[in-house]
Amino acid sequence: MDHFKILEREELSMMASPFRQGLLQALSSPNSAAGLARQCNMSRQRVGYHMRELERSGCIEAVGERKARGLAEKLYQTKPLAFVYSPLNTERPERTQDRYSWASLVNLAAQTLWDLLTLRRRADAVGKRLATLALEAELHFDSPAERKAFTGDLIDAVGSVVRKYEHPRSDSSRAFRIVLGAYPKPEPGKADDKRNAQH
């Protein structure tokens, strides 16, 4: 089972309904259509219809049953999902100002998630191992100027390595995508402050 649900364009309209968003939130804990109908004071038919649509789209899943009023009720729960808008165009022009854009980093993360899940499914289908690399580090900057200097150093260093491998050297070469990003580390129990603002 996938850990993430990629939301396709046609599914966005389905999720736009406040009622369905409320159902997803309510189903963070297991419940049945009848249970939610009693909780929301609505007809079981209406709740059941929307839950069937959510199950069909892969947003909720059956997790068991319970006895209620002498009947067996099927329990559903929202999947541990990441709702990501599927990319429409994977070839985006690079613009220097986009490097520091919050939206640009989110789009890159969404594209990466989309690609990885697609590749994972393909690899599983043929029983092959998926070749990937992940690198994580924690950095500390005392000032915006220091962070800016690091950004320049990183771009220069990575650019030097990328230029060495960016062109295919044979017909058997396989393209890989590298994604780099940085963002302020959230501190538990602390609200965002001006240190997290873009300079």
N, C-alpha and C. Protein backbone atom coordinates (compact mmCIF):
# COMPACT_ATOMS: atom_id res chain seq x y z
N MET A 1 0.84 -1.20 0.00
CA MET A 1 0.00 0.00 0.00
C MET A 1 0.88 1.25 0.00
N ASP A 2 0.54 2.20 -0.85
CA ASP A 2 1.29 3.46 -0.88
C ASP A 2 1.09 4.22 0.42
N HIS A 3 2.15 4.89 0.87
CA HIS A 3 2.03 5.74 2.05
C HIS A 3 1.44 7.10 1.69
N PHE A 4 1.49 7.44 0.43
CA PHE A 4 1.06 8.75 -0.01
C PHE A 4 -0.02 8.63 -1.07
N LYS A 5 -0.91 9.58 -1.07
CA LYS A 5 -1.93 9.67 -2.11
C LYS A 5 -1.62 10.89 -2.97
N ILE A 6 -1.35 10.65 -4.25
CA ILE A 6 -1.12 11.75 -5.17
C ILE A 6 -2.47 12.19 -5.72
N LEU A 7 -2.78 13.44 -5.56
CA LEU A 7 -4.07 13.96 -5.98
C LEU A 7 -4.00 14.43 -7.42
N GLU A 8 -4.73 13.74 -8.30
CA GLU A 8 -4.77 14.11 -9.71
C GLU A 8 -5.65 15.34 -9.91
N ARG A 9 -5.52 15.96 -11.09
CA ARG A 9 -6.30 17.17 -11.37
C ARG A 9 -7.80 16.93 -11.22
N GLU A 10 -8.27 15.78 -11.75
CA GLU A 10 -9.71 15.52 -11.68
C GLU A 10 -10.18 15.25 -10.27
N GLU A 11 -9.25 14.91 -9.38
CA GLU A 11 -9.62 14.65 -8.00
C GLU A 11 -9.69 15.92 -7.16
N LEU A 12 -9.09 16.99 -7.66
CA LEU A 12 -9.09 18.24 -6.90
C LEU A 12 -10.51 18.75 -6.68
N SER A 13 -11.34 18.66 -7.73
CA SER A 13 -12.72 19.13 -7.59
C SER A 13 -13.48 18.29 -6.57
N MET A 14 -13.17 16.99 -6.52
CA MET A 14 -13.80 16.12 -5.54
C MET A 14 -13.45 16.55 -4.12
N MET A 15 -12.19 16.93 -3.93
CA MET A 15 -11.74 17.30 -2.59
C MET A 15 -12.11 18.74 -2.23
N ALA A 16 -12.61 19.49 -3.20
CA ALA A 16 -12.96 20.89 -2.92
C ALA A 16 -14.19 21.02 -2.04
N SER A 17 -14.98 19.95 -1.92
CA SER A 17 -16.20 20.00 -1.12
C SER A 17 -15.88 20.12 0.36
N PRO A 18 -16.36 21.18 1.02
CA PRO A 18 -16.12 21.31 2.47
C PRO A 18 -16.67 20.12 3.25
N PHE A 19 -17.78 19.55 2.76
CA PHE A 19 -18.36 18.39 3.46
C PHE A 19 -17.39 17.21 3.43
N ARG A 20 -16.78 16.96 2.27
CA ARG A 20 -15.84 15.84 2.17
C ARG A 20 -14.57 16.13 2.96
N GLN A 21 -14.14 17.37 2.98
CA GLN A 21 -12.99 17.71 3.80
C GLN A 21 -13.29 17.45 5.27
N GLY A 22 -14.53 17.77 5.67
CA GLY A 22 -14.94 17.50 7.04
C GLY A 22 -14.97 16.00 7.34
N LEU A 23 -15.40 15.20 6.35
CA LEU A 23 -15.40 13.74 6.54
C LEU A 23 -13.98 13.21 6.72
N LEU A 24 -13.06 13.70 5.91
CA LEU A 24 -11.67 13.26 6.03
C LEU A 24 -11.11 13.59 7.41
N GLN A 25 -11.45 14.77 7.89
CA GLN A 25 -10.97 15.17 9.22
C GLN A 25 -11.62 14.31 10.30
N ALA A 26 -12.92 14.05 10.16
CA ALA A 26 -13.62 13.23 11.14
C ALA A 26 -13.10 11.80 11.15
N LEU A 27 -12.64 11.32 10.00
CA LEU A 27 -12.17 9.95 9.89
C LEU A 27 -10.69 9.81 10.22
N SER A 28 -10.12 10.79 10.90
CA SER A 28 -8.77 10.62 11.41
C SER A 28 -8.76 9.50 12.45
N SER A 29 -9.92 9.24 13.03
CA SER A 29 -10.15 8.08 13.89
C SER A 29 -11.18 7.19 13.20
N PRO A 30 -11.08 5.86 13.35
CA PRO A 30 -12.00 4.96 12.64
C PRO A 30 -13.45 5.23 12.99
N ASN A 31 -14.30 5.21 11.96
CA ASN A 31 -15.73 5.40 12.17
C ASN A 31 -16.46 4.80 10.97
N SER A 32 -17.76 4.65 11.12
CA SER A 32 -18.59 4.08 10.05
C SER A 32 -19.46 5.17 9.45
N ALA A 33 -20.08 4.88 8.31
CA ALA A 33 -21.01 5.82 7.69
C ALA A 33 -22.16 6.10 8.64
N ALA A 34 -22.66 5.05 9.27
CA ALA A 34 -23.77 5.24 10.21
C ALA A 34 -23.34 6.05 11.41
N GLY A 35 -22.13 5.81 11.91
CA GLY A 35 -21.62 6.56 13.05
C GLY A 35 -21.45 8.03 12.74
N LEU A 36 -20.92 8.32 11.56
CA LEU A 36 -20.76 9.72 11.16
C LEU A 36 -22.11 10.38 10.91
N ALA A 37 -23.05 9.61 10.36
CA ALA A 37 -24.39 10.15 10.14
C ALA A 37 -25.03 10.55 11.46
N ARG A 38 -24.89 9.70 12.47
CA ARG A 38 -25.43 10.04 13.79
C ARG A 38 -24.71 11.25 14.37
N GLN A 39 -23.40 11.28 14.18
CA GLN A 39 -22.59 12.37 14.73
C GLN A 39 -22.92 13.70 14.06
N CYS A 40 -23.17 13.68 12.74
CA CYS A 40 -23.44 14.90 11.98
C CYS A 40 -24.93 15.21 11.85
N ASN A 41 -25.76 14.30 12.37
CA ASN A 41 -27.21 14.45 12.27
C ASN A 41 -27.64 14.56 10.81
N MET A 42 -27.12 13.63 9.99
CA MET A 42 -27.45 13.58 8.57
C MET A 42 -27.89 12.17 8.21
N SER A 43 -28.42 12.04 7.00
CA SER A 43 -28.87 10.72 6.57
C SER A 43 -27.66 9.83 6.29
N ARG A 44 -27.83 8.55 6.62
CA ARG A 44 -26.75 7.59 6.36
C ARG A 44 -26.47 7.49 4.87
N GLN A 45 -27.52 7.64 4.04
CA GLN A 45 -27.34 7.53 2.60
C GLN A 45 -26.40 8.61 2.06
N ARG A 46 -26.60 9.85 2.56
CA ARG A 46 -25.75 10.95 2.07
C ARG A 46 -24.30 10.75 2.50
N VAL A 47 -24.10 10.43 3.77
CA VAL A 47 -22.74 10.22 4.26
C VAL A 47 -22.11 9.03 3.55
N GLY A 48 -22.88 7.95 3.37
CA GLY A 48 -22.36 6.76 2.72
C GLY A 48 -21.94 7.02 1.29
N TYR A 49 -22.71 7.84 0.57
CA TYR A 49 -22.36 8.16 -0.81
C TYR A 49 -21.00 8.85 -0.89
N HIS A 50 -20.80 9.86 -0.04
CA HIS A 50 -19.54 10.60 -0.07
C HIS A 50 -18.37 9.72 0.38
N MET A 51 -18.62 8.84 1.34
CA MET A 51 -17.56 7.95 1.80
C MET A 51 -17.18 6.94 0.72
N ARG A 52 -18.14 6.48 -0.04
CA ARG A 52 -17.82 5.57 -1.15
C ARG A 52 -16.94 6.26 -2.19
N GLU A 53 -17.24 7.53 -2.47
CA GLU A 53 -16.42 8.29 -3.41
C GLU A 53 -15.00 8.48 -2.88
N LEU A 54 -14.89 8.75 -1.59
CA LEU A 54 -13.57 8.93 -0.98
C LEU A 54 -12.79 7.62 -0.98
N GLU A 55 -13.49 6.51 -0.75
CA GLU A 55 -12.82 5.21 -0.79
C GLU A 55 -12.39 4.89 -2.22
N ARG A 56 -13.24 5.19 -3.18
CA ARG A 56 -12.91 4.92 -4.59
C ARG A 56 -11.67 5.69 -5.04
N SER A 57 -11.51 6.89 -4.52
CA SER A 57 -10.36 7.71 -4.89
C SER A 57 -9.12 7.37 -4.08
N GLY A 58 -9.25 6.46 -3.11
CA GLY A 58 -8.10 6.03 -2.33
C GLY A 58 -7.76 6.92 -1.16
N CYS A 59 -8.69 7.79 -0.77
CA CYS A 59 -8.41 8.72 0.34
C CYS A 59 -8.72 8.12 1.71
N ILE A 60 -9.65 7.16 1.75
CA ILE A 60 -9.95 6.47 2.99
C ILE A 60 -9.91 4.97 2.71
N GLU A 61 -9.78 4.17 3.76
CA GLU A 61 -9.71 2.73 3.60
C GLU A 61 -10.43 2.04 4.74
N ALA A 62 -10.94 0.83 4.48
CA ALA A 62 -11.61 0.04 5.49
C ALA A 62 -10.57 -0.50 6.47
N VAL A 63 -10.86 -0.38 7.77
CA VAL A 63 -9.90 -0.81 8.79
C VAL A 63 -10.50 -1.81 9.78
N GLY A 64 -11.76 -2.22 9.57
CA GLY A 64 -12.35 -3.19 10.47
C GLY A 64 -13.86 -3.05 10.57
N GLU A 65 -14.42 -3.71 11.56
CA GLU A 65 -15.87 -3.66 11.78
C GLU A 65 -16.15 -3.51 13.26
N ARG A 66 -17.39 -3.10 13.58
CA ARG A 66 -17.85 -3.06 14.97
C ARG A 66 -19.34 -3.37 14.99
N LYS A 67 -19.79 -3.86 16.11
CA LYS A 67 -21.21 -4.15 16.29
C LYS A 67 -21.90 -2.91 16.86
N ALA A 68 -22.98 -2.51 16.23
CA ALA A 68 -23.76 -1.36 16.70
C ALA A 68 -25.23 -1.65 16.45
N ARG A 69 -26.01 -1.62 17.51
CA ARG A 69 -27.45 -1.86 17.41
C ARG A 69 -27.75 -3.21 16.74
N GLY A 70 -26.92 -4.20 17.04
CA GLY A 70 -27.14 -5.54 16.52
C GLY A 70 -26.67 -5.75 15.10
N LEU A 71 -26.07 -4.72 14.49
CA LEU A 71 -25.59 -4.82 13.11
C LEU A 71 -24.08 -4.61 13.05
N ALA A 72 -23.45 -5.17 12.03
CA ALA A 72 -22.02 -4.97 11.82
C ALA A 72 -21.80 -3.72 10.96
N GLU A 73 -21.07 -2.77 11.49
CA GLU A 73 -20.76 -1.55 10.74
C GLU A 73 -19.30 -1.59 10.28
N LYS A 74 -19.09 -1.29 9.01
CA LYS A 74 -17.74 -1.26 8.46
C LYS A 74 -17.06 0.05 8.85
N LEU A 75 -15.87 -0.05 9.39
CA LEU A 75 -15.13 1.13 9.84
C LEU A 75 -14.13 1.58 8.79
N TYR A 76 -14.05 2.89 8.62
CA TYR A 76 -13.12 3.49 7.67
C TYR A 76 -12.24 4.51 8.39
N GLN A 77 -11.09 4.77 7.79
CA GLN A 77 -10.18 5.76 8.35
C GLN A 77 -9.42 6.44 7.22
N THR A 78 -9.13 7.72 7.41
CA THR A 78 -8.33 8.45 6.43
C THR A 78 -6.93 7.85 6.37
N LYS A 79 -6.43 7.65 5.17
CA LYS A 79 -5.08 7.14 5.00
C LYS A 79 -4.07 8.18 5.49
N PRO A 80 -2.89 7.72 5.91
CA PRO A 80 -1.82 8.68 6.22
C PRO A 80 -1.29 9.24 4.92
N LEU A 81 -1.92 10.32 4.45
CA LEU A 81 -1.70 10.80 3.09
C LEU A 81 -0.91 12.09 3.03
N ALA A 82 -0.30 12.28 1.89
CA ALA A 82 0.24 13.59 1.53
C ALA A 82 -0.49 14.00 0.27
N PHE A 83 -1.32 15.02 0.35
CA PHE A 83 -2.08 15.46 -0.81
C PHE A 83 -1.22 16.41 -1.63
N VAL A 84 -0.86 15.95 -2.80
CA VAL A 84 0.04 16.72 -3.66
C VAL A 84 -0.59 16.87 -5.02
N TYR A 85 -0.61 18.07 -5.53
CA TYR A 85 -1.15 18.34 -6.86
C TYR A 85 -0.21 17.75 -7.90
N SER A 86 -0.69 16.83 -8.70
CA SER A 86 0.17 16.19 -9.69
C SER A 86 0.67 17.21 -10.69
N PRO A 87 1.96 17.19 -11.01
CA PRO A 87 2.53 18.22 -11.89
C PRO A 87 1.99 18.12 -13.31
N LEU A 88 1.72 19.27 -13.91
CA LEU A 88 1.21 19.31 -15.28
C LEU A 88 2.34 19.34 -16.29
N ASN A 89 3.44 19.96 -15.90
CA ASN A 89 4.55 20.14 -16.83
C ASN A 89 5.85 19.94 -16.07
N THR A 90 6.56 18.86 -16.37
CA THR A 90 7.78 18.57 -15.63
C THR A 90 8.96 19.39 -16.12
N GLU A 91 8.83 20.01 -17.27
CA GLU A 91 9.93 20.82 -17.80
C GLU A 91 9.67 22.28 -17.48
N ARG A 92 10.15 22.71 -16.33
CA ARG A 92 9.94 24.10 -15.92
C ARG A 92 11.21 24.90 -16.17
N PRO A 93 11.09 26.08 -16.78
CA PRO A 93 12.29 26.88 -17.00
C PRO A 93 12.87 27.35 -15.68
N GLU A 94 14.21 27.32 -15.57
CA GLU A 94 14.89 27.76 -14.36
C GLU A 94 15.04 29.28 -14.39
N ARG A 95 14.66 29.90 -13.31
CA ARG A 95 14.85 31.35 -13.19
C ARG A 95 15.55 31.59 -11.86
N THR A 96 16.57 32.43 -11.90
CA THR A 96 17.39 32.65 -10.71
C THR A 96 16.55 33.07 -9.52
N GLN A 97 15.55 33.96 -9.73
CA GLN A 97 14.76 34.44 -8.60
C GLN A 97 13.92 33.33 -7.97
N ASP A 98 13.64 32.24 -8.74
CA ASP A 98 12.83 31.15 -8.21
C ASP A 98 13.58 30.32 -7.18
N ARG A 99 14.90 30.44 -7.13
CA ARG A 99 15.68 29.66 -6.17
C ARG A 99 15.26 29.94 -4.74
N TYR A 100 14.80 31.14 -4.49
CA TYR A 100 14.48 31.54 -3.13
C TYR A 100 12.98 31.59 -2.87
N SER A 101 12.23 31.03 -3.79
CA SER A 101 10.78 31.06 -3.68
C SER A 101 10.27 29.86 -2.87
N TRP A 102 9.40 30.14 -1.91
CA TRP A 102 8.74 29.08 -1.14
C TRP A 102 7.97 28.16 -2.07
N ALA A 103 7.25 28.74 -3.02
CA ALA A 103 6.46 27.95 -3.96
C ALA A 103 7.33 27.06 -4.81
N SER A 104 8.52 27.53 -5.20
CA SER A 104 9.42 26.74 -6.02
C SER A 104 9.88 25.50 -5.27
N LEU A 105 10.20 25.63 -3.98
CA LEU A 105 10.62 24.49 -3.18
C LEU A 105 9.48 23.49 -3.01
N VAL A 106 8.27 24.00 -2.79
CA VAL A 106 7.11 23.12 -2.67
C VAL A 106 6.88 22.36 -3.97
N ASN A 107 6.99 23.06 -5.10
CA ASN A 107 6.79 22.41 -6.40
C ASN A 107 7.85 21.33 -6.65
N LEU A 108 9.10 21.61 -6.27
CA LEU A 108 10.15 20.62 -6.43
C LEU A 108 9.89 19.40 -5.55
N ALA A 109 9.43 19.65 -4.32
CA ALA A 109 9.12 18.53 -3.43
C ALA A 109 7.98 17.70 -3.98
N ALA A 110 6.95 18.36 -4.51
CA ALA A 110 5.82 17.65 -5.10
C ALA A 110 6.25 16.83 -6.32
N GLN A 111 7.08 17.44 -7.17
CA GLN A 111 7.58 16.74 -8.35
C GLN A 111 8.40 15.52 -7.94
N THR A 112 9.25 15.69 -6.91
CA THR A 112 10.08 14.58 -6.44
C THR A 112 9.22 13.44 -5.91
N LEU A 113 8.21 13.78 -5.12
CA LEU A 113 7.32 12.76 -4.58
C LEU A 113 6.58 12.03 -5.69
N TRP A 114 6.11 12.78 -6.66
CA TRP A 114 5.40 12.20 -7.80
C TRP A 114 6.32 11.24 -8.56
N ASP A 115 7.53 11.68 -8.85
CA ASP A 115 8.48 10.84 -9.58
C ASP A 115 8.83 9.57 -8.82
N LEU A 116 9.08 9.70 -7.52
CA LEU A 116 9.49 8.55 -6.73
C LEU A 116 8.40 7.49 -6.65
N LEU A 117 7.17 7.92 -6.47
CA LEU A 117 6.08 6.95 -6.41
C LEU A 117 5.86 6.27 -7.75
N THR A 118 5.99 7.04 -8.83
CA THR A 118 5.86 6.45 -10.17
C THR A 118 6.96 5.41 -10.40
N LEU A 119 8.20 5.77 -10.05
CA LEU A 119 9.33 4.85 -10.23
C LEU A 119 9.21 3.63 -9.34
N ARG A 120 8.71 3.83 -8.11
CA ARG A 120 8.55 2.72 -7.18
C ARG A 120 7.56 1.68 -7.72
N ARG A 121 6.46 2.17 -8.27
CA ARG A 121 5.46 1.26 -8.84
C ARG A 121 6.04 0.49 -10.02
N ARG A 122 6.79 1.19 -10.88
CA ARG A 122 7.38 0.54 -12.05
C ARG A 122 8.41 -0.50 -11.63
N ALA A 123 9.24 -0.17 -10.64
CA ALA A 123 10.25 -1.10 -10.16
C ALA A 123 9.61 -2.33 -9.53
N ASP A 124 8.54 -2.12 -8.75
CA ASP A 124 7.84 -3.24 -8.13
C ASP A 124 7.22 -4.15 -9.18
N ALA A 125 6.73 -3.55 -10.26
CA ALA A 125 6.05 -4.32 -11.29
C ALA A 125 6.99 -5.30 -11.99
N VAL A 126 8.28 -4.96 -12.05
CA VAL A 126 9.24 -5.84 -12.72
C VAL A 126 10.22 -6.47 -11.74
N GLY A 127 9.98 -6.25 -10.44
CA GLY A 127 10.82 -6.87 -9.42
C GLY A 127 12.24 -6.35 -9.38
N LYS A 128 12.42 -5.07 -9.66
CA LYS A 128 13.76 -4.50 -9.66
C LYS A 128 13.95 -3.52 -8.49
N ARG A 129 15.20 -3.31 -8.12
CA ARG A 129 15.56 -2.38 -7.06
C ARG A 129 15.62 -0.97 -7.64
N LEU A 130 15.15 0.00 -6.87
CA LEU A 130 15.16 1.39 -7.32
C LEU A 130 16.41 2.09 -6.79
N ALA A 131 17.23 2.60 -7.71
CA ALA A 131 18.48 3.26 -7.33
C ALA A 131 18.21 4.72 -6.97
N THR A 132 18.42 5.07 -5.71
CA THR A 132 18.22 6.45 -5.27
C THR A 132 19.33 6.84 -4.30
N LEU A 133 19.40 8.12 -4.01
CA LEU A 133 20.37 8.64 -3.05
C LEU A 133 19.70 9.75 -2.25
N ALA A 134 19.90 9.76 -0.95
CA ALA A 134 19.35 10.81 -0.10
C ALA A 134 20.45 11.37 0.79
N LEU A 135 20.46 12.66 0.94
CA LEU A 135 21.45 13.32 1.79
C LEU A 135 20.74 14.39 2.61
N GLU A 136 20.97 14.37 3.91
CA GLU A 136 20.34 15.36 4.80
C GLU A 136 21.40 15.94 5.72
N ALA A 137 21.32 17.22 5.98
CA ALA A 137 22.27 17.88 6.87
C ALA A 137 21.57 19.03 7.58
N GLU A 138 22.07 19.37 8.75
CA GLU A 138 21.55 20.51 9.50
C GLU A 138 22.62 21.59 9.53
N LEU A 139 22.22 22.80 9.17
CA LEU A 139 23.15 23.93 9.09
C LEU A 139 22.73 25.01 10.07
N HIS A 140 23.68 25.86 10.45
CA HIS A 140 23.38 26.97 11.36
C HIS A 140 24.01 28.25 10.81
N PHE A 141 23.19 29.29 10.71
CA PHE A 141 23.66 30.59 10.22
C PHE A 141 23.39 31.65 11.27
N ASP A 142 24.35 32.52 11.47
CA ASP A 142 24.19 33.60 12.45
C ASP A 142 23.59 34.86 11.85
N SER A 143 23.52 34.91 10.52
CA SER A 143 22.99 36.12 9.88
C SER A 143 22.54 35.78 8.46
N PRO A 144 21.67 36.63 7.90
CA PRO A 144 21.28 36.44 6.49
C PRO A 144 22.48 36.49 5.54
N ALA A 145 23.47 37.32 5.88
CA ALA A 145 24.66 37.41 5.03
C ALA A 145 25.42 36.09 5.01
N GLU A 146 25.50 35.44 6.16
CA GLU A 146 26.19 34.15 6.22
C GLU A 146 25.43 33.09 5.42
N ARG A 147 24.11 33.13 5.51
CA ARG A 147 23.30 32.19 4.75
C ARG A 147 23.47 32.44 3.25
N LYS A 148 23.51 33.69 2.86
CA LYS A 148 23.70 34.03 1.45
C LYS A 148 25.05 33.55 0.94
N ALA A 149 26.08 33.68 1.78
CA ALA A 149 27.41 33.23 1.39
C ALA A 149 27.43 31.72 1.21
N PHE A 150 26.75 31.00 2.10
CA PHE A 150 26.68 29.55 1.98
C PHE A 150 25.97 29.16 0.68
N THR A 151 24.87 29.87 0.36
CA THR A 151 24.12 29.57 -0.85
C THR A 151 25.02 29.70 -2.08
N GLY A 152 25.82 30.76 -2.12
CA GLY A 152 26.74 30.94 -3.24
C GLY A 152 27.77 29.83 -3.31
N ASP A 153 28.33 29.46 -2.15
CA ASP A 153 29.32 28.38 -2.12
C ASP A 153 28.71 27.06 -2.58
N LEU A 154 27.47 26.79 -2.13
CA LEU A 154 26.81 25.54 -2.49
C LEU A 154 26.54 25.48 -3.99
N ILE A 155 26.04 26.57 -4.54
CA ILE A 155 25.74 26.61 -5.97
C ILE A 155 27.01 26.40 -6.79
N ASP A 156 28.10 27.02 -6.36
CA ASP A 156 29.38 26.86 -7.08
C ASP A 156 29.88 25.42 -7.00
N ALA A 157 29.81 24.83 -5.79
CA ALA A 157 30.34 23.47 -5.60
C ALA A 157 29.50 22.45 -6.36
N VAL A 158 28.18 22.55 -6.21
CA VAL A 158 27.31 21.60 -6.89
C VAL A 158 27.39 21.79 -8.40
N GLY A 159 27.43 23.05 -8.82
CA GLY A 159 27.52 23.33 -10.25
C GLY A 159 28.75 22.70 -10.88
N SER A 160 29.86 22.72 -10.15
CA SER A 160 31.10 22.14 -10.67
C SER A 160 30.95 20.64 -10.89
N VAL A 161 30.32 19.96 -9.93
CA VAL A 161 30.12 18.50 -10.05
C VAL A 161 29.09 18.19 -11.14
N VAL A 162 28.00 18.97 -11.18
CA VAL A 162 26.95 18.73 -12.16
C VAL A 162 27.49 18.86 -13.58
N ARG A 163 28.31 19.88 -13.81
CA ARG A 163 28.86 20.08 -15.15
C ARG A 163 29.69 18.89 -15.61
N LYS A 164 30.24 18.14 -14.66
CA LYS A 164 31.06 16.97 -15.00
C LYS A 164 30.20 15.82 -15.52
N TYR A 165 28.94 15.76 -15.05
CA TYR A 165 28.11 14.61 -15.38
C TYR A 165 26.82 14.96 -16.12
N GLU A 166 26.64 16.22 -16.51
CA GLU A 166 25.34 16.63 -17.03
C GLU A 166 25.05 16.16 -18.45
N HIS A 167 26.05 15.76 -19.20
CA HIS A 167 25.83 15.34 -20.57
C HIS A 167 26.03 13.83 -20.71
N PRO A 168 25.15 13.15 -21.43
CA PRO A 168 25.30 11.70 -21.62
C PRO A 168 26.57 11.40 -22.40
N ARG A 169 27.30 10.37 -21.93
CA ARG A 169 28.55 10.01 -22.59
C ARG A 169 28.42 8.74 -23.43
N SER A 170 27.24 8.10 -23.36
CA SER A 170 27.01 6.92 -24.18
C SER A 170 25.50 6.72 -24.34
N ASP A 171 25.13 5.81 -25.24
CA ASP A 171 23.71 5.53 -25.46
C ASP A 171 23.07 4.84 -24.26
N SER A 172 23.87 4.25 -23.39
CA SER A 172 23.33 3.53 -22.23
C SER A 172 23.23 4.43 -20.99
N SER A 173 23.61 5.70 -21.13
CA SER A 173 23.54 6.61 -19.98
C SER A 173 22.10 6.78 -19.52
N ARG A 174 21.90 6.83 -18.22
CA ARG A 174 20.57 7.06 -17.67
C ARG A 174 20.55 8.38 -16.93
N ALA A 175 19.50 9.17 -17.17
CA ALA A 175 19.39 10.49 -16.54
C ALA A 175 18.89 10.36 -15.10
N PHE A 176 19.49 11.11 -14.20
CA PHE A 176 19.05 11.21 -12.82
C PHE A 176 18.76 12.68 -12.52
N ARG A 177 17.83 12.90 -11.63
CA ARG A 177 17.51 14.27 -11.21
C ARG A 177 18.03 14.49 -9.80
N ILE A 178 18.68 15.61 -9.57
CA ILE A 178 19.13 15.99 -8.23
C ILE A 178 18.33 17.20 -7.78
N VAL A 179 17.85 17.16 -6.55
CA VAL A 179 17.05 18.25 -5.99
C VAL A 179 17.69 18.70 -4.69
N LEU A 180 17.95 19.98 -4.58
CA LEU A 180 18.51 20.54 -3.36
C LEU A 180 17.57 21.62 -2.84
N GLY A 181 17.38 21.64 -1.56
CA GLY A 181 16.54 22.67 -0.95
C GLY A 181 16.95 22.91 0.48
N ALA A 182 16.60 24.04 1.00
CA ALA A 182 16.87 24.35 2.40
C ALA A 182 15.73 25.19 2.95
N TYR A 183 15.40 24.97 4.21
CA TYR A 183 14.34 25.74 4.86
C TYR A 183 14.61 25.78 6.35
N PRO A 184 14.09 26.78 7.04
CA PRO A 184 14.32 26.86 8.50
C PRO A 184 13.75 25.64 9.20
N LYS A 185 14.54 25.05 10.08
CA LYS A 185 14.09 23.88 10.82
C LYS A 185 13.03 24.28 11.84
N PRO A 186 11.83 23.67 11.78
CA PRO A 186 10.80 24.01 12.77
C PRO A 186 11.26 23.62 14.17
N GLU A 187 11.06 24.53 15.11
CA GLU A 187 11.43 24.25 16.50
C GLU A 187 10.18 23.89 17.28
N PRO A 188 10.13 22.67 17.85
CA PRO A 188 8.93 22.24 18.58
C PRO A 188 8.54 23.20 19.68
N GLY A 189 7.26 23.55 19.71
CA GLY A 189 6.76 24.41 20.78
C GLY A 189 7.00 25.88 20.58
N LYS A 190 7.62 26.25 19.45
CA LYS A 190 7.91 27.66 19.20
C LYS A 190 7.17 28.12 17.96
N ALA A 191 6.58 29.29 18.05
CA ALA A 191 5.91 29.87 16.90
C ALA A 191 6.95 30.40 15.91
N ASP A 192 6.56 30.47 14.62
CA ASP A 192 7.47 31.07 13.64
C ASP A 192 7.75 32.51 14.01
N ASP A 193 8.96 32.94 13.74
CA ASP A 193 9.31 34.33 14.05
C ASP A 193 10.00 34.95 12.85
N LYS A 194 10.51 36.14 13.04
CA LYS A 194 11.10 36.88 11.92
C LYS A 194 12.37 36.21 11.39
N ARG A 195 12.99 35.32 12.18
CA ARG A 195 14.18 34.65 11.70
C ARG A 195 13.88 33.76 10.51
N ASN A 196 12.63 33.29 10.41
CA ASN A 196 12.23 32.41 9.33
C ASN A 196 11.81 33.16 8.08
N ALA A 197 11.75 34.46 8.15
CA ALA A 197 11.32 35.26 7.01
C ALA A 197 12.42 35.29 5.97
N GLN A 198 12.00 35.46 4.73
CA GLN A 198 12.98 35.53 3.64
C GLN A 198 13.67 36.88 3.67
N HIS A 199 14.99 36.88 3.52
CA HIS A 199 15.75 38.12 3.48
C HIS A 199 16.29 38.36 2.08
